[in-house]
N, C-alpha and C. Protein backbone atom coordinates (compact mmCIF):
# COMPACT_ATOMS: atom_id res chain seq x y z
N MET A 1 159.24 141.64 147.68
CA MET A 1 157.91 141.16 147.41
C MET A 1 158.04 139.90 146.56
N LYS A 2 157.24 138.88 146.91
CA LYS A 2 157.33 137.61 146.20
C LYS A 2 156.89 137.74 144.75
N GLY A 3 157.59 137.01 143.90
CA GLY A 3 157.33 137.03 142.47
C GLY A 3 155.93 136.60 142.11
N ILE A 4 155.33 135.75 142.93
CA ILE A 4 153.97 135.28 142.63
C ILE A 4 152.99 136.45 142.58
N ILE A 5 153.22 137.46 143.41
CA ILE A 5 152.36 138.64 143.40
C ILE A 5 152.52 139.38 142.07
N PHE A 6 153.74 139.47 141.57
CA PHE A 6 153.99 140.13 140.29
C PHE A 6 153.33 139.35 139.15
N THR A 7 153.50 138.03 139.16
CA THR A 7 152.92 137.24 138.08
C THR A 7 151.39 137.32 138.11
N GLU A 8 150.81 137.29 139.30
CA GLU A 8 149.35 137.42 139.43
C GLU A 8 148.89 138.80 138.95
N PHE A 9 149.64 139.84 139.32
CA PHE A 9 149.28 141.19 138.90
C PHE A 9 149.30 141.30 137.37
N LEU A 10 150.35 140.79 136.75
CA LEU A 10 150.44 140.88 135.30
C LEU A 10 149.37 140.03 134.61
N GLU A 11 148.99 138.91 135.23
CA GLU A 11 147.89 138.11 134.67
C GLU A 11 146.58 138.89 134.73
N MET A 12 146.37 139.61 135.85
CA MET A 12 145.16 140.43 135.96
C MET A 12 145.17 141.52 134.89
N VAL A 13 146.31 142.18 134.71
CA VAL A 13 146.42 143.25 133.72
C VAL A 13 146.11 142.69 132.33
N GLU A 14 146.67 141.53 132.03
CA GLU A 14 146.41 140.93 130.72
C GLU A 14 144.93 140.60 130.54
N SER A 15 144.31 140.01 131.57
CA SER A 15 142.90 139.62 131.42
C SER A 15 141.98 140.84 131.33
N GLU A 16 142.33 141.93 132.01
CA GLU A 16 141.47 143.12 132.02
C GLU A 16 141.78 144.11 130.89
N PHE A 17 143.06 144.23 130.51
CA PHE A 17 143.47 145.30 129.60
C PHE A 17 144.22 144.80 128.36
N GLY A 18 144.58 143.51 128.33
CA GLY A 18 145.23 142.94 127.16
C GLY A 18 146.75 142.84 127.29
N LEU A 19 147.30 141.95 126.48
CA LEU A 19 148.74 141.68 126.49
C LEU A 19 149.55 142.91 126.07
N GLU A 20 149.03 143.69 125.16
CA GLU A 20 149.74 144.90 124.72
C GLU A 20 149.95 145.86 125.89
N THR A 21 148.96 145.97 126.76
CA THR A 21 149.10 146.82 127.94
C THR A 21 150.17 146.28 128.88
N VAL A 22 150.21 144.97 129.06
CA VAL A 22 151.26 144.35 129.88
C VAL A 22 152.62 144.72 129.32
N ASP A 23 152.79 144.52 128.02
CA ASP A 23 154.08 144.84 127.38
C ASP A 23 154.42 146.33 127.55
N ASN A 24 153.43 147.19 127.37
CA ASN A 24 153.67 148.63 127.48
C ASN A 24 154.11 149.03 128.88
N ILE A 25 153.42 148.53 129.90
CA ILE A 25 153.78 148.96 131.27
C ILE A 25 155.14 148.41 131.69
N ILE A 26 155.46 147.20 131.25
CA ILE A 26 156.79 146.65 131.57
C ILE A 26 157.87 147.48 130.88
N GLU A 27 157.65 147.75 129.60
CA GLU A 27 158.64 148.50 128.82
C GLU A 27 158.86 149.92 129.37
N LYS A 28 157.78 150.58 129.78
CA LYS A 28 157.87 151.97 130.23
C LYS A 28 158.26 152.12 131.70
N SER A 29 158.29 151.03 132.45
CA SER A 29 158.55 151.12 133.88
C SER A 29 160.03 151.07 134.25
N ASN A 30 160.90 150.74 133.31
CA ASN A 30 162.34 150.71 133.58
C ASN A 30 162.67 149.87 134.82
N LEU A 31 162.34 148.60 134.75
CA LEU A 31 162.45 147.70 135.89
C LEU A 31 163.81 147.01 135.96
N PRO A 32 164.40 146.90 137.15
CA PRO A 32 165.66 146.16 137.30
C PRO A 32 165.56 144.71 136.82
N SER A 33 164.38 144.10 136.99
CA SER A 33 164.18 142.71 136.57
C SER A 33 163.83 142.59 135.10
N ASP A 34 163.64 143.72 134.42
CA ASP A 34 163.15 143.76 133.03
C ASP A 34 161.77 143.14 132.90
N GLY A 35 161.05 143.03 134.02
CA GLY A 35 159.69 142.48 133.98
C GLY A 35 159.65 140.98 133.82
N ILE A 36 160.77 140.33 134.11
CA ILE A 36 160.83 138.86 134.04
C ILE A 36 160.73 138.34 135.47
N TYR A 37 159.57 137.75 135.79
CA TYR A 37 159.30 137.31 137.16
C TYR A 37 159.09 135.81 137.23
N THR A 38 159.59 135.22 138.32
CA THR A 38 159.26 133.84 138.62
C THR A 38 158.51 133.86 139.94
N SER A 39 157.64 132.91 140.14
CA SER A 39 156.79 132.92 141.33
C SER A 39 157.57 132.72 142.63
N VAL A 40 158.76 132.13 142.56
CA VAL A 40 159.51 131.83 143.79
C VAL A 40 160.55 132.88 144.17
N ALA A 41 160.93 133.74 143.24
CA ALA A 41 161.95 134.75 143.53
C ALA A 41 161.33 135.94 144.26
N THR A 42 162.18 136.80 144.78
CA THR A 42 161.74 138.00 145.48
C THR A 42 162.23 139.22 144.71
N TYR A 43 161.37 140.23 144.61
CA TYR A 43 161.68 141.43 143.86
C TYR A 43 161.39 142.66 144.73
N GLU A 44 161.99 143.76 144.37
CA GLU A 44 161.80 145.00 145.12
C GLU A 44 160.36 145.50 144.99
N PHE A 45 159.82 145.97 146.09
CA PHE A 45 158.47 146.53 146.10
C PHE A 45 158.35 147.71 145.13
N ASN A 46 159.44 148.44 144.96
CA ASN A 46 159.43 149.58 144.03
C ASN A 46 159.07 149.18 142.61
N GLU A 47 159.35 147.93 142.25
CA GLU A 47 158.96 147.47 140.91
C GLU A 47 157.44 147.40 140.79
N MET A 48 156.77 146.95 141.87
CA MET A 48 155.31 146.89 141.85
C MET A 48 154.74 148.31 141.77
N VAL A 49 155.33 149.22 142.53
CA VAL A 49 154.89 150.61 142.49
C VAL A 49 155.03 151.16 141.07
N ALA A 50 156.15 150.87 140.42
CA ALA A 50 156.38 151.35 139.05
C ALA A 50 155.34 150.77 138.08
N LEU A 51 155.04 149.48 138.23
CA LEU A 51 154.05 148.84 137.34
C LEU A 51 152.66 149.43 137.55
N ILE A 52 152.27 149.62 138.80
CA ILE A 52 150.95 150.18 139.09
C ILE A 52 150.86 151.62 138.59
N THR A 53 151.91 152.38 138.84
CA THR A 53 151.93 153.78 138.39
C THR A 53 151.81 153.86 136.87
N GLN A 54 152.56 153.02 136.18
CA GLN A 54 152.52 153.02 134.72
C GLN A 54 151.17 152.53 134.21
N LEU A 55 150.59 151.52 134.86
CA LEU A 55 149.28 151.04 134.45
C LEU A 55 148.23 152.14 134.63
N SER A 56 148.34 152.87 135.72
CA SER A 56 147.41 153.97 135.98
C SER A 56 147.45 154.99 134.84
N LYS A 57 148.66 155.31 134.40
CA LYS A 57 148.81 156.25 133.28
C LYS A 57 148.26 155.66 131.99
N GLU A 58 148.57 154.40 131.77
CA GLU A 58 148.21 153.71 130.52
C GLU A 58 146.69 153.60 130.34
N VAL A 59 145.97 153.26 131.42
CA VAL A 59 144.53 153.01 131.31
C VAL A 59 143.69 154.15 131.88
N ASN A 60 144.38 155.20 132.37
CA ASN A 60 143.71 156.39 132.89
C ASN A 60 142.73 156.07 134.02
N LEU A 61 143.20 155.26 134.97
CA LEU A 61 142.43 154.94 136.18
C LEU A 61 143.31 155.22 137.38
N PRO A 62 142.71 155.64 138.50
CA PRO A 62 143.53 155.90 139.70
C PRO A 62 144.24 154.63 140.18
N ALA A 63 145.46 154.80 140.65
CA ALA A 63 146.25 153.66 141.14
C ALA A 63 145.51 152.91 142.25
N GLY A 64 144.85 153.64 143.15
CA GLY A 64 144.11 152.99 144.23
C GLY A 64 143.02 152.07 143.72
N ASP A 65 142.33 152.48 142.66
CA ASP A 65 141.29 151.63 142.07
C ASP A 65 141.88 150.37 141.46
N LEU A 66 143.05 150.50 140.87
CA LEU A 66 143.72 149.33 140.28
C LEU A 66 144.21 148.37 141.36
N ILE A 67 144.69 148.91 142.47
CA ILE A 67 145.14 148.06 143.59
C ILE A 67 143.94 147.32 144.18
N TYR A 68 142.82 148.01 144.31
CA TYR A 68 141.58 147.39 144.79
C TYR A 68 141.15 146.26 143.84
N ALA A 69 141.17 146.52 142.55
CA ALA A 69 140.81 145.50 141.55
C ALA A 69 141.74 144.30 141.66
N PHE A 70 143.01 144.56 141.94
CA PHE A 70 143.96 143.46 142.10
C PHE A 70 143.60 142.63 143.33
N GLY A 71 143.15 143.27 144.39
CA GLY A 71 142.71 142.52 145.58
C GLY A 71 141.56 141.58 145.25
N LEU A 72 140.60 142.07 144.46
CA LEU A 72 139.48 141.22 144.04
C LEU A 72 140.00 140.02 143.24
N TYR A 73 140.90 140.29 142.32
CA TYR A 73 141.47 139.25 141.46
C TYR A 73 142.29 138.26 142.28
N LEU A 74 143.09 138.79 143.20
CA LEU A 74 144.02 137.96 143.97
C LEU A 74 143.29 136.95 144.85
N PHE A 75 142.15 137.34 145.43
CA PHE A 75 141.41 136.40 146.27
C PHE A 75 141.07 135.14 145.49
N SER A 76 140.55 135.31 144.29
CA SER A 76 140.18 134.15 143.46
C SER A 76 141.40 133.29 143.14
N SER A 77 142.51 133.92 142.85
CA SER A 77 143.73 133.17 142.54
C SER A 77 144.21 132.38 143.75
N LEU A 78 144.20 133.02 144.91
CA LEU A 78 144.64 132.34 146.13
C LEU A 78 143.70 131.20 146.49
N LYS A 79 142.40 131.43 146.32
CA LYS A 79 141.40 130.40 146.60
C LYS A 79 141.63 129.18 145.70
N ASN A 80 141.96 129.42 144.44
CA ASN A 80 142.20 128.31 143.51
C ASN A 80 143.50 127.59 143.81
N ALA A 81 144.52 128.34 144.21
CA ALA A 81 145.83 127.74 144.48
C ALA A 81 145.87 127.01 145.82
N HIS A 82 145.12 127.50 146.80
CA HIS A 82 145.16 126.93 148.16
C HIS A 82 143.75 126.80 148.73
N PRO A 83 142.90 125.98 148.10
CA PRO A 83 141.50 125.88 148.55
C PRO A 83 141.37 125.40 150.00
N GLU A 84 142.34 124.62 150.46
CA GLU A 84 142.27 124.07 151.81
C GLU A 84 142.27 125.15 152.89
N VAL A 85 142.88 126.27 152.60
CA VAL A 85 142.94 127.36 153.58
C VAL A 85 141.55 127.95 153.79
N ILE A 86 140.85 128.22 152.71
CA ILE A 86 139.54 128.87 152.80
C ILE A 86 138.44 127.87 153.18
N GLN A 87 138.60 126.61 152.77
CA GLN A 87 137.57 125.61 153.06
C GLN A 87 137.37 125.36 154.55
N SER A 88 138.34 125.72 155.36
CA SER A 88 138.21 125.45 156.79
C SER A 88 137.34 126.51 157.49
N TYR A 89 136.80 127.47 156.75
CA TYR A 89 135.95 128.51 157.34
C TYR A 89 134.52 128.38 156.85
N LYS A 90 133.59 128.71 157.74
CA LYS A 90 132.17 128.64 157.42
C LYS A 90 131.58 130.02 157.12
N SER A 91 132.34 131.07 157.41
CA SER A 91 131.83 132.43 157.18
C SER A 91 132.98 133.38 156.87
N PRO A 92 132.67 134.48 156.18
CA PRO A 92 133.72 135.46 155.89
C PRO A 92 134.23 136.15 157.16
N ILE A 93 133.36 136.34 158.14
CA ILE A 93 133.79 136.96 159.40
C ILE A 93 134.81 136.04 160.09
N GLY A 94 134.54 134.74 160.09
CA GLY A 94 135.47 133.76 160.66
C GLY A 94 136.80 133.79 159.96
N LEU A 95 136.76 133.89 158.65
CA LEU A 95 137.99 133.95 157.86
C LEU A 95 138.79 135.22 158.21
N LEU A 96 138.12 136.36 158.26
CA LEU A 96 138.81 137.61 158.58
C LEU A 96 139.38 137.58 159.99
N TYR A 97 138.63 137.00 160.91
CA TYR A 97 139.07 136.93 162.30
C TYR A 97 140.35 136.10 162.43
N SER A 98 140.56 135.16 161.52
CA SER A 98 141.69 134.23 161.60
C SER A 98 142.87 134.60 160.71
N ILE A 99 142.87 135.81 160.17
CA ILE A 99 143.96 136.19 159.25
C ILE A 99 145.31 136.00 159.92
N GLU A 100 145.50 136.57 161.09
CA GLU A 100 146.80 136.53 161.76
C GLU A 100 147.16 135.13 162.25
N ASP A 101 146.21 134.45 162.88
CA ASP A 101 146.50 133.18 163.54
C ASP A 101 146.52 131.97 162.61
N HIS A 102 145.91 132.08 161.45
CA HIS A 102 145.88 130.91 160.57
C HIS A 102 146.35 131.23 159.15
N ILE A 103 145.71 132.18 158.51
CA ILE A 103 146.02 132.44 157.10
C ILE A 103 147.45 132.92 156.92
N HIS A 104 147.87 133.91 157.71
CA HIS A 104 149.23 134.41 157.57
C HIS A 104 150.27 133.38 158.02
N VAL A 105 149.92 132.52 158.96
CA VAL A 105 150.82 131.42 159.35
C VAL A 105 151.03 130.50 158.15
N HIS A 106 149.95 130.19 157.46
CA HIS A 106 150.01 129.33 156.26
C HIS A 106 150.86 130.00 155.17
N VAL A 107 150.65 131.30 154.95
CA VAL A 107 151.41 132.03 153.94
C VAL A 107 152.90 132.02 154.29
N LYS A 108 153.22 132.23 155.55
CA LYS A 108 154.63 132.25 155.99
C LYS A 108 155.31 130.90 155.78
N LYS A 109 154.55 129.81 155.89
CA LYS A 109 155.12 128.48 155.62
C LYS A 109 155.50 128.37 154.14
N LEU A 110 154.63 128.90 153.28
CA LEU A 110 154.88 128.84 151.85
C LEU A 110 155.95 129.84 151.41
N TYR A 111 155.91 131.04 152.00
CA TYR A 111 156.81 132.13 151.60
C TYR A 111 157.42 132.76 152.86
N PRO A 112 158.45 132.13 153.43
CA PRO A 112 159.01 132.61 154.70
C PRO A 112 159.48 134.07 154.70
N GLU A 113 159.89 134.60 153.56
CA GLU A 113 160.38 135.98 153.51
C GLU A 113 159.28 136.99 153.27
N ALA A 114 158.05 136.54 153.11
CA ALA A 114 156.95 137.46 152.79
C ALA A 114 156.77 138.51 153.88
N GLU A 115 156.62 139.75 153.46
CA GLU A 115 156.32 140.85 154.38
C GLU A 115 154.81 141.06 154.36
N LEU A 116 154.14 140.54 155.36
CA LEU A 116 152.68 140.58 155.40
C LEU A 116 152.20 141.74 156.27
N PRO A 117 151.04 142.27 155.93
CA PRO A 117 150.46 143.28 156.81
C PRO A 117 149.99 142.61 158.09
N THR A 118 149.70 143.41 159.10
CA THR A 118 149.09 142.85 160.31
C THR A 118 147.66 143.35 160.39
N PHE A 119 146.83 142.55 161.02
CA PHE A 119 145.43 142.89 161.25
C PHE A 119 145.15 142.69 162.73
N LYS A 120 144.94 143.79 163.42
CA LYS A 120 144.62 143.75 164.85
C LYS A 120 143.10 143.84 164.98
N ILE A 121 142.51 142.80 165.56
CA ILE A 121 141.06 142.77 165.73
C ILE A 121 140.68 143.66 166.92
N LEU A 122 139.80 144.59 166.68
CA LEU A 122 139.32 145.48 167.74
C LEU A 122 138.02 144.95 168.36
N GLU A 123 137.15 144.44 167.49
CA GLU A 123 135.84 143.97 167.94
C GLU A 123 135.31 143.00 166.90
N LYS A 124 134.61 141.95 167.39
CA LYS A 124 134.02 140.96 166.48
C LYS A 124 132.69 140.50 167.05
N THR A 125 131.69 140.40 166.17
CA THR A 125 130.42 139.75 166.50
C THR A 125 130.18 138.71 165.41
N ASP A 126 129.03 138.07 165.43
CA ASP A 126 128.73 137.10 164.37
C ASP A 126 128.55 137.76 163.01
N THR A 127 128.22 139.05 163.01
CA THR A 127 127.94 139.73 161.74
C THR A 127 128.80 140.97 161.50
N SER A 128 129.79 141.22 162.34
CA SER A 128 130.63 142.39 162.12
C SER A 128 132.03 142.17 162.66
N ILE A 129 132.94 142.96 162.14
CA ILE A 129 134.32 142.93 162.62
C ILE A 129 134.95 144.30 162.37
N SER A 130 135.70 144.75 163.35
CA SER A 130 136.49 145.98 163.22
C SER A 130 137.94 145.59 163.42
N MET A 131 138.81 146.09 162.56
CA MET A 131 140.22 145.72 162.66
C MET A 131 141.09 146.83 162.12
N ILE A 132 142.34 146.82 162.60
CA ILE A 132 143.34 147.78 162.13
C ILE A 132 144.31 147.05 161.22
N TYR A 133 144.40 147.54 159.99
CA TYR A 133 145.38 147.06 159.00
C TYR A 133 146.63 147.91 159.19
N SER A 134 147.79 147.25 159.29
CA SER A 134 149.06 147.97 159.37
C SER A 134 150.05 147.35 158.40
N SER A 135 150.66 148.19 157.58
CA SER A 135 151.68 147.73 156.65
C SER A 135 152.49 148.92 156.17
N SER A 136 153.79 148.75 156.12
CA SER A 136 154.67 149.83 155.63
C SER A 136 154.38 150.13 154.15
N ARG A 137 153.73 149.20 153.47
CA ARG A 137 153.47 149.38 152.03
C ARG A 137 152.19 150.14 151.74
N GLY A 138 151.32 150.24 152.70
CA GLY A 138 150.10 151.02 152.50
C GLY A 138 149.16 150.49 151.43
N LEU A 139 149.08 149.18 151.29
CA LEU A 139 148.22 148.58 150.27
C LEU A 139 146.84 148.22 150.84
N TYR A 140 146.26 149.14 151.59
CA TYR A 140 144.97 148.89 152.21
C TYR A 140 143.86 148.68 151.18
N ARG A 141 144.01 149.25 149.99
CA ARG A 141 142.99 149.03 148.94
C ARG A 141 143.04 147.58 148.45
N LEU A 142 144.22 146.97 148.46
CA LEU A 142 144.35 145.55 148.14
C LEU A 142 143.59 144.74 149.20
N ALA A 143 143.80 145.07 150.46
CA ALA A 143 143.09 144.39 151.56
C ALA A 143 141.59 144.56 151.40
N HIS A 144 141.15 145.75 151.02
CA HIS A 144 139.72 146.02 150.82
C HIS A 144 139.15 145.07 149.76
N GLY A 145 139.86 144.93 148.65
CA GLY A 145 139.40 144.02 147.60
C GLY A 145 139.34 142.58 148.07
N LEU A 146 140.36 142.16 148.81
CA LEU A 146 140.37 140.79 149.35
C LEU A 146 139.20 140.56 150.30
N ILE A 147 138.93 141.53 151.16
CA ILE A 147 137.82 141.42 152.12
C ILE A 147 136.49 141.31 151.37
N GLU A 148 136.30 142.18 150.39
CA GLU A 148 135.05 142.15 149.63
C GLU A 148 134.85 140.81 148.93
N LYS A 149 135.91 140.30 148.34
CA LYS A 149 135.81 139.03 147.61
C LYS A 149 135.57 137.87 148.57
N ALA A 150 136.05 137.96 149.80
CA ALA A 150 135.78 136.91 150.79
C ALA A 150 134.28 136.81 151.03
N PHE A 151 133.61 137.93 151.14
CA PHE A 151 132.16 137.90 151.34
C PHE A 151 131.46 137.32 150.12
N GLU A 152 131.91 137.69 148.96
CA GLU A 152 131.33 137.15 147.72
C GLU A 152 131.51 135.63 147.67
N HIS A 153 132.68 135.16 148.09
CA HIS A 153 132.94 133.72 148.09
C HIS A 153 131.93 132.96 148.95
N PHE A 154 131.55 133.55 150.07
CA PHE A 154 130.60 132.92 150.98
C PHE A 154 129.16 133.32 150.67
N ASN A 155 128.93 133.88 149.48
CA ASN A 155 127.61 134.32 149.05
C ASN A 155 126.99 135.33 150.00
N GLY A 156 127.82 136.15 150.58
CA GLY A 156 127.34 137.17 151.50
C GLY A 156 127.63 138.56 150.97
N LYS A 157 127.05 139.52 151.63
CA LYS A 157 127.29 140.92 151.29
C LYS A 157 127.65 141.64 152.58
N ALA A 158 128.41 142.71 152.41
CA ALA A 158 128.83 143.46 153.58
C ALA A 158 129.03 144.93 153.23
N ASP A 159 128.83 145.76 154.23
CA ASP A 159 129.23 147.16 154.12
C ASP A 159 130.64 147.22 154.67
N ILE A 160 131.57 147.64 153.84
CA ILE A 160 132.98 147.72 154.23
C ILE A 160 133.38 149.19 154.18
N THR A 161 133.73 149.72 155.32
CA THR A 161 134.21 151.10 155.36
C THR A 161 135.60 151.10 155.95
N TYR A 162 136.35 152.13 155.60
CA TYR A 162 137.68 152.24 156.18
C TYR A 162 138.00 153.70 156.47
N GLU A 163 138.87 153.86 157.45
CA GLU A 163 139.31 155.18 157.86
C GLU A 163 140.83 155.15 157.93
N LEU A 164 141.46 156.06 157.21
CA LEU A 164 142.92 156.14 157.26
C LEU A 164 143.34 156.74 158.60
N LEU A 165 144.06 155.96 159.38
CA LEU A 165 144.57 156.43 160.66
C LEU A 165 145.90 157.15 160.45
N LYS A 166 146.57 156.79 159.37
CA LYS A 166 147.78 157.51 158.93
C LYS A 166 147.53 157.88 157.47
N GLU A 167 147.86 159.11 157.14
CA GLU A 167 147.54 159.64 155.82
C GLU A 167 148.12 158.83 154.67
N ASP A 168 149.27 158.18 154.90
CA ASP A 168 149.91 157.41 153.84
C ASP A 168 149.32 156.01 153.66
N GLY A 169 148.28 155.69 154.43
CA GLY A 169 147.61 154.40 154.27
C GLY A 169 148.33 153.23 154.93
N THR A 170 149.33 153.51 155.74
CA THR A 170 150.06 152.43 156.40
C THR A 170 149.34 151.91 157.63
N GLU A 171 148.34 152.65 158.10
CA GLU A 171 147.51 152.19 159.21
C GLU A 171 146.07 152.61 158.92
N VAL A 172 145.19 151.63 158.80
CA VAL A 172 143.82 151.88 158.38
C VAL A 172 142.86 151.04 159.22
N LYS A 173 141.79 151.66 159.67
CA LYS A 173 140.76 150.93 160.43
C LYS A 173 139.66 150.51 159.45
N PHE A 174 139.40 149.21 159.43
CA PHE A 174 138.31 148.65 158.64
C PHE A 174 137.14 148.31 159.55
N ASP A 175 135.94 148.69 159.15
CA ASP A 175 134.71 148.27 159.81
C ASP A 175 133.90 147.51 158.79
N VAL A 176 133.55 146.29 159.12
CA VAL A 176 132.84 145.42 158.19
C VAL A 176 131.58 144.92 158.86
N VAL A 177 130.43 145.16 158.21
CA VAL A 177 129.14 144.71 158.72
C VAL A 177 128.47 143.86 157.66
N GLN A 178 128.25 142.61 158.00
CA GLN A 178 127.63 141.67 157.07
C GLN A 178 126.12 141.88 157.06
N HIS A 179 125.51 141.75 155.90
CA HIS A 179 124.05 141.82 155.80
C HIS A 179 123.58 140.89 154.72
N GLY A 180 122.28 140.65 154.72
CA GLY A 180 121.67 139.80 153.69
C GLY A 180 121.99 138.42 153.89
């Protein structure tokens, strides 16, 4: 997993829970990297699992809720770092529809080793989209946060529901209906 994800995660933890919490979760997670991350290096996914697990214990919130919150946070960070990617879309549905063909292509140019989830579009209208999220990491709650923040970015609202197609969250069907 790219170091930029770790640095963004720790920035979110600091902004939401304070620097002491960041120090505590790094110290208690027993990380091979010792919690020293650079945005360009690659680290084991297990380190992220350890950090999230420890944060969940530290702040007494479910890990899934923290992953979702990170998705919300990450959208804003990505938008600020790469505004040109999002500016080429006029709607959140258009942005979601282009994840595979444009956004992930752009990400792969920046981070060739990145292991990205796939999004298979099942159905799309002007106001709705159904898609299957697939990833060995099962971070569908992160995707949920990113999707929700995309609608907020475009000043829209949506009903976002998901159904776990595999119990471990590695395959999830998202149904998104825009309103308002």
